[in-house]
Every structure is written in structure tokens, then in C-alpha cells.
N, C-alpha and C. Protein backbone atom coordinates (compact mmCIF):
# COMPACT_ATOMS: atom_id res chain seq x y z
N LEU A 1 -28.44 -13.49 -28.08
CA LEU A 1 -28.15 -12.02 -28.87
C LEU A 1 -26.94 -12.17 -29.85
N ALA A 2 -26.94 -11.29 -31.32
CA ALA A 2 -25.93 -11.86 -32.07
C ALA A 2 -24.87 -11.95 -31.40
N ASN A 3 -23.54 -12.76 -32.80
CA ASN A 3 -22.58 -13.26 -32.28
C ASN A 3 -21.94 -12.24 -33.83
N GLY A 4 -20.79 -12.30 -32.85
CA GLY A 4 -19.91 -11.36 -34.21
C GLY A 4 -18.36 -10.46 -33.48
N THR A 5 -18.18 -9.64 -34.86
CA THR A 5 -17.33 -8.80 -34.22
C THR A 5 -17.59 -7.32 -33.87
N PRO A 6 -16.84 -6.84 -33.04
CA PRO A 6 -17.64 -5.70 -33.48
C PRO A 6 -18.31 -4.59 -34.82
N GLU A 7 -17.47 -4.79 -35.21
CA GLU A 7 -17.80 -4.04 -37.15
C GLU A 7 -18.87 -4.86 -37.47
N GLN A 8 -18.88 -6.07 -37.67
CA GLN A 8 -20.57 -6.84 -37.77
C GLN A 8 -21.56 -5.94 -37.21
N ILE A 9 -21.63 -5.63 -35.63
CA ILE A 9 -22.53 -5.87 -34.80
C ILE A 9 -22.48 -4.44 -35.26
N ARG A 10 -21.78 -3.27 -35.76
CA ARG A 10 -21.96 -2.42 -35.76
C ARG A 10 -22.86 -1.58 -37.11
N ASN A 11 -22.16 -2.61 -37.84
CA ASN A 11 -22.76 -2.87 -39.72
C ASN A 11 -23.81 -3.42 -39.60
N ASN A 12 -24.64 -3.67 -38.16
CA ASN A 12 -26.10 -4.63 -38.50
C ASN A 12 -27.67 -3.69 -37.68
N PRO A 13 -28.32 -2.95 -38.63
CA PRO A 13 -29.45 -2.07 -37.38
C PRO A 13 -29.82 -3.19 -37.08
N ASP A 14 -29.95 -4.25 -36.73
CA ASP A 14 -31.25 -4.92 -36.48
C ASP A 14 -30.51 -6.06 -34.81
N VAL A 15 -29.25 -5.76 -34.77
CA VAL A 15 -28.81 -6.19 -33.76
C VAL A 15 -28.75 -4.78 -32.87
N ILE A 16 -28.11 -3.77 -33.22
CA ILE A 16 -27.73 -2.60 -32.43
C ILE A 16 -29.24 -2.62 -32.06
N ARG A 17 -30.55 -2.53 -32.54
CA ARG A 17 -31.75 -2.77 -31.81
C ARG A 17 -31.98 -3.56 -30.76
N ALA A 18 -31.63 -4.74 -30.92
CA ALA A 18 -32.00 -5.68 -30.33
C ALA A 18 -30.94 -5.64 -29.12
N TYR A 19 -30.02 -5.34 -29.15
CA TYR A 19 -28.75 -4.67 -27.88
C TYR A 19 -29.18 -3.57 -27.16
N LEU A 20 -29.84 -2.30 -27.90
CA LEU A 20 -30.48 -1.80 -27.24
C LEU A 20 -31.99 -1.46 -26.54
N GLY A 21 -32.53 -2.54 -26.81
CA GLY A 21 -33.75 -3.37 -26.67
C GLY A 21 -33.66 -4.24 -24.48
N GLU A 22 -32.52 -4.74 -25.47
CA GLU A 22 -31.81 -5.64 -23.75
C GLU A 22 -31.23 -5.03 -23.09
N ALA A 23 -31.49 -3.81 -22.90
CA ALA A 23 -30.07 -2.73 -22.70
C ALA A 23 -31.60 -1.98 -21.31
């Protein structure tokens, strides 16, 4: 999973999609 601050993750749809996919 990509690393970064909550703001960076929140602004990155790909990271959100990957996070939800892992959850």
C-alpha cells in the first residue's frame, strides 16, 4: 500500500481504491 500522509492518501483515488480493495 502506498505510504503518505492522510491528506495525500485522501487526495489519491488510486490509493483509496487500493485501500478499500485490501479491506
